Amino acid sequence: MSLFKHASEILQGKVNHFLNNAEDPAETLDLSYEKMITNLQETKRHLADVVTEKVSLESQMAQAQKAADKADADAKMALGANREDLARAELAEKQSELQKLASLKEAHDAVSAQSQKLQDYEQKLQDHIEQFRTQKEVTKSEMMAAKAEVQAGESLSGIGKGMDDAGEAMRRAQDRTAQMESKATAMDGLIESGALSDPLDTRSQTDKELDKVRASSGVDDDLARLKAEMAKEKAGGASGDSSGNS
């Protein structure tokens, strides 16, 4: 054996030793599992934020509906007191609250859809993590058993670790492939989950002007409706008094 060949084998042995110690397949599997758990925790935090936003929108919707109902009742009371100006003002307030309610409902629908997507993704991720955990433990057990068998065979035959290099390289490649597949699956789920819609008003100026026109028309319609209802009530009361006197 030449001096250069001997030096090359020593260097190759040191390199293989460094690679085997630097990348433990079992530790790689555990690290992948820990990253998946971290992703799950982040998903849960995002879901909690979305649910909080959904509850807040529901509260605002309830307040807007309550304000609209109150404005309608106040308009009727003002009209009964012959204060048409106050009735008109209250009906304008009602229309404003109804527009606010419509915007809140639109935002609520978007947030609800986002919440459902996150819930579905969370469940899929949990299932995937559980499957990975089971496979991880099985793989680690098989690796330990295989390693013990190889060591026992080497002890009996006197063969060194140099014969294992090809098999070790294959196992490292398989572990890396499994890790990349897990990451790709998680990325696909995040992409499918979509983005949280912004609940702020994004109407154009034209749309805003048209909404004002519709609101004004709604006030006139409500005012006419209240007048008709009150006229009907007065007519009914007068008819009742007439029947009583007869």
Protein backbone atom coordinates (compact mmCIF):
# COMPACT_ATOMS: atom_id res chain seq x y z
CA MET A 1 0.00 0.00 0.00
CA SER A 2 1.44 3.35 -1.04
CA LEU A 3 1.83 6.20 1.41
CA PHE A 4 -0.67 8.38 -0.51
CA LYS A 5 -3.32 5.63 -0.61
CA HIS A 6 -2.95 5.03 3.11
CA ALA A 7 -3.28 8.76 3.82
CA SER A 8 -6.39 8.92 1.59
CA GLU A 9 -8.08 6.07 3.48
CA ILE A 10 -7.32 7.73 6.82
CA LEU A 11 -8.80 11.04 5.59
CA GLN A 12 -11.91 9.26 4.22
CA GLY A 13 -12.37 7.51 7.53
CA LYS A 14 -12.21 10.78 9.45
CA VAL A 15 -14.73 12.39 7.08
CA ASN A 16 -17.18 9.50 7.45
CA HIS A 17 -16.78 9.59 11.21
CA PHE A 18 -17.53 13.34 11.24
CA LEU A 19 -20.64 12.92 9.07
CA ASN A 20 -22.02 10.09 11.15
CA ASN A 21 -21.56 12.02 14.38
CA ALA A 22 -22.79 15.33 12.95
CA GLU A 23 -26.12 13.94 11.68
CA ASP A 24 -27.87 11.46 13.93
CA PRO A 25 -30.98 10.18 12.07
CA ALA A 26 -32.89 9.74 15.33
CA GLU A 27 -32.17 13.33 16.36
CA THR A 28 -33.21 14.53 12.92
CA LEU A 29 -36.58 12.79 13.31
CA ASP A 30 -37.09 14.27 16.77
CA LEU A 31 -36.22 17.75 15.48
CA SER A 32 -38.72 17.39 12.64
CA TYR A 33 -41.39 16.37 15.15
CA GLU A 34 -40.63 19.35 17.37
CA LYS A 35 -40.93 21.71 14.39
CA MET A 36 -44.32 20.23 13.53
CA ILE A 37 -45.49 20.76 17.12
CA THR A 38 -44.33 24.39 16.89
CA ASN A 39 -46.33 24.84 13.69
CA LEU A 40 -49.39 23.39 15.40
CA GLN A 41 -49.03 25.80 18.33
CA GLU A 42 -48.72 28.74 15.94
CA THR A 43 -51.84 27.59 14.10
CA LYS A 44 -53.73 27.44 17.39
CA ARG A 45 -52.66 31.00 18.21
CA HIS A 46 -53.79 32.23 14.79
CA LEU A 47 -57.12 30.44 15.23
CA ALA A 48 -57.62 32.02 18.65
CA ASP A 49 -57.01 35.48 17.14
CA VAL A 50 -59.53 34.85 14.37
CA VAL A 51 -62.16 33.53 16.80
CA THR A 52 -61.64 36.61 18.99
CA GLU A 53 -62.19 38.85 15.98
CA LYS A 54 -65.33 36.91 15.07
CA VAL A 55 -66.80 37.33 18.57
CA SER A 56 -65.98 41.06 18.50
CA LEU A 57 -67.79 41.47 15.16
CA GLU A 58 -70.82 39.62 16.49
CA SER A 59 -70.95 41.97 19.47
CA GLN A 60 -70.75 45.02 17.19
CA MET A 61 -73.49 43.58 14.97
CA ALA A 62 -75.78 43.14 17.96
CA GLN A 63 -75.13 46.72 19.07
CA ALA A 64 -75.85 48.08 15.56
CA GLN A 65 -79.11 46.13 15.35
CA LYS A 66 -80.15 47.35 18.79
CA ALA A 67 -79.38 50.96 17.82
CA ALA A 68 -81.39 50.61 14.59
CA ASP A 69 -84.39 49.23 16.47
CA LYS A 70 -84.20 52.03 19.03
CA ALA A 71 -84.01 54.68 16.29
CA ASP A 72 -87.08 53.20 14.63
CA ALA A 73 -89.03 53.27 17.91
CA ASP A 74 -87.92 56.83 18.64
CA ALA A 75 -88.99 57.95 15.16
CA LYS A 76 -92.43 56.53 15.73
CA MET A 77 -92.69 58.30 19.10
CA ALA A 78 -91.55 61.60 17.59
CA LEU A 79 -94.05 61.32 14.77
CA GLY A 80 -96.78 60.69 17.32
CA ALA A 81 -95.81 63.97 18.96
CA ASN A 82 -96.07 65.75 15.59
CA ARG A 83 -92.29 66.17 15.42
CA GLU A 84 -91.62 65.00 11.89
CA ASP A 85 -88.20 66.64 11.95
CA LEU A 86 -87.14 64.46 14.89
CA ALA A 87 -88.67 61.39 13.28
CA ARG A 88 -86.69 62.03 10.11
CA ALA A 89 -83.47 62.44 12.09
CA GLU A 90 -84.05 59.16 13.93
CA LEU A 91 -84.80 57.32 10.71
CA ALA A 92 -81.57 58.68 9.20
CA GLU A 93 -79.75 57.29 12.25
CA LYS A 94 -81.49 53.97 11.69
CA GLN A 95 -80.29 53.81 8.08
CA SER A 96 -76.74 54.60 9.20
CA GLU A 97 -76.83 51.75 11.71
CA LEU A 98 -78.25 49.36 9.12
CA GLN A 99 -75.41 50.22 6.73
CA LYS A 100 -72.95 49.63 9.53
CA LEU A 101 -74.63 46.32 10.28
CA ALA A 102 -74.32 45.23 6.63
CA SER A 103 -70.59 46.03 6.60
CA LEU A 104 -70.06 44.17 9.87
CA LYS A 105 -71.94 41.15 8.56
CA GLU A 106 -69.77 41.08 5.43
CA ALA A 107 -66.64 41.14 7.58
CA HIS A 108 -68.13 38.52 9.91
CA ASP A 109 -68.80 36.16 6.99
CA ALA A 110 -65.20 36.51 5.78
CA VAL A 111 -63.77 35.91 9.26
CA SER A 112 -66.07 32.90 9.76
CA ALA A 113 -64.80 31.34 6.54
CA GLN A 114 -61.21 31.97 7.64
CA SER A 115 -61.93 30.45 11.03
CA GLN A 116 -63.33 27.30 9.44
CA LYS A 117 -60.29 26.95 7.17
CA LEU A 118 -57.96 27.27 10.13
CA GLN A 119 -59.96 24.70 12.10
CA ASP A 120 -59.77 22.25 9.19
CA TYR A 121 -56.04 22.88 8.80
CA GLU A 122 -55.47 22.42 12.53
CA GLN A 123 -57.24 19.05 12.48
CA LYS A 124 -55.28 17.89 9.42
CA LEU A 125 -52.02 18.99 11.02
CA GLN A 126 -52.84 17.16 14.25
CA ASP A 127 -53.60 13.98 12.31
CA HIS A 128 -50.39 14.33 10.31
CA ILE A 129 -48.34 14.91 13.46
CA GLU A 130 -49.80 11.83 15.14
CA GLN A 131 -49.02 9.69 12.10
CA PHE A 132 -45.51 11.11 11.93
CA ARG A 133 -44.95 10.49 15.65
CA THR A 134 -45.93 6.84 15.29
CA GLN A 135 -43.76 6.37 12.21
CA LYS A 136 -40.90 8.17 13.95
CA GLU A 137 -40.92 5.83 16.93
CA VAL A 138 -41.21 2.77 14.69
CA THR A 139 -38.33 3.98 12.54
CA LYS A 140 -36.15 4.73 15.56
CA SER A 141 -36.83 1.26 16.97
CA GLU A 142 -35.99 -0.34 13.62
CA MET A 143 -32.81 1.75 13.38
CA MET A 144 -31.70 0.73 16.86
CA ALA A 145 -32.41 -2.93 16.12
CA ALA A 146 -30.62 -2.75 12.78
CA LYS A 147 -27.65 -0.99 14.35
CA ALA A 148 -27.40 -3.61 17.09
CA GLU A 149 -27.62 -6.39 14.51
CA VAL A 150 -24.90 -4.83 12.37
CA GLN A 151 -22.63 -4.32 15.37
CA ALA A 152 -23.17 -7.90 16.42
CA GLY A 153 -22.39 -9.13 12.91
CA GLU A 154 -19.27 -6.99 12.75
CA SER A 155 -18.08 -8.37 16.06
CA LEU A 156 -18.56 -11.91 14.83
CA SER A 157 -17.02 -11.39 11.38
CA GLY A 158 -14.44 -8.77 12.27
CA ILE A 159 -15.67 -6.44 9.48
CA GLY A 160 -15.21 -2.72 10.19
CA LYS A 161 -17.65 0.15 9.71
CA GLY A 162 -16.30 0.93 6.23
CA MET A 163 -18.78 -1.55 4.68
CA ASP A 164 -21.75 0.45 6.05
CA ASP A 165 -21.02 3.74 4.29
CA ALA A 166 -23.37 3.11 1.35
CA GLY A 167 -26.26 2.03 3.61
CA GLU A 168 -25.78 4.96 5.96
CA ALA A 169 -25.80 7.39 3.04
CA MET A 170 -29.08 5.87 1.81
CA ARG A 171 -30.70 6.17 5.25
CA ARG A 172 -29.64 9.80 5.54
CA ALA A 173 -31.16 10.54 2.12
CA GLN A 174 -34.43 8.84 3.11
CA ASP A 175 -34.65 10.82 6.35
CA ARG A 176 -34.06 14.08 4.50
CA THR A 177 -36.73 13.17 1.96
CA ALA A 178 -39.25 12.45 4.73
CA GLN A 179 -38.47 15.78 6.37
CA MET A 180 -38.91 17.71 3.11
CA GLU A 181 -42.23 15.93 2.41
CA SER A 182 -43.50 16.90 5.85
CA LYS A 183 -42.51 20.52 5.28
CA ALA A 184 -44.16 20.53 1.83
CA THR A 185 -47.40 19.18 3.32
CA ALA A 186 -47.43 21.90 5.97
CA MET A 187 -46.76 24.61 3.36
CA ASP A 188 -49.61 23.37 1.15
CA GLY A 189 -52.00 23.54 4.11
CA LEU A 190 -50.99 27.13 4.90
CA ILE A 191 -51.44 28.19 1.28
CA GLU A 192 -54.90 26.59 1.12
CA SER A 193 -55.96 28.31 4.33
CA GLY A 194 -56.14 31.69 2.53
CA ALA A 195 -55.70 35.19 4.03
CA LEU A 196 -57.79 36.97 6.65
CA SER A 197 -59.98 39.53 4.98
CA ASP A 198 -59.71 43.15 6.10
CA PRO A 199 -63.07 44.23 7.67
CA LEU A 200 -62.44 47.94 7.03
CA ASP A 201 -64.57 49.80 4.52
CA THR A 202 -63.04 49.49 1.06
CA ARG A 203 -65.89 51.04 -0.92
CA SER A 204 -65.15 53.46 -3.73
CA GLN A 205 -66.35 57.04 -3.55
CA THR A 206 -69.08 56.22 -6.06
CA ASP A 207 -70.33 53.36 -3.91
CA LYS A 208 -70.37 55.61 -0.84
CA GLU A 209 -72.44 58.24 -2.67
CA LEU A 210 -74.88 55.59 -3.87
CA ASP A 211 -75.21 54.30 -0.29
CA LYS A 212 -76.13 57.82 0.86
CA VAL A 213 -78.80 58.03 -1.83
CA ARG A 214 -80.19 54.66 -0.77
CA ALA A 215 -80.16 55.73 2.88
CA SER A 216 -82.08 58.92 2.09
CA SER A 217 -84.59 56.93 0.12
CA GLY A 218 -84.87 54.50 3.00
CA VAL A 219 -85.68 57.38 5.39
CA ASP A 220 -88.50 58.59 3.14
CA ASP A 221 -89.86 55.07 2.82
CA ASP A 222 -89.72 54.51 6.58
CA LEU A 223 -91.41 57.87 7.23
CA ALA A 224 -94.22 57.01 4.85
CA ARG A 225 -94.58 53.58 6.45
CA LEU A 226 -94.84 55.04 9.94
CA LYS A 227 -97.43 57.59 8.82
CA ALA A 228 -99.47 54.86 7.21
CA GLU A 229 -99.25 52.67 10.32
CA MET A 230 -100.30 55.51 12.60
CA ALA A 231 -103.14 56.52 10.30
CA LYS A 232 -104.31 52.92 10.29
CA GLU A 233 -104.13 52.78 14.09
CA LYS A 234 -106.12 56.03 14.42
CA ALA A 235 -108.69 54.78 11.94
CA GLY A 236 -109.00 51.53 13.85
CA GLY A 237 -109.41 53.42 17.15
CA ALA A 238 -112.06 55.69 15.73
CA SER A 239 -113.95 52.72 14.33
CA GLY A 240 -113.83 51.00 17.72
CA ASP A 241 -115.21 54.10 19.50
CA SER A 242 -118.01 54.37 16.95
CA SER A 243 -119.01 50.77 17.47
CA GLY A 244 -118.98 51.25 21.23
CA ASN A 245 -121.28 54.29 21.06
CA SER A 246 -123.71 52.36 18.89
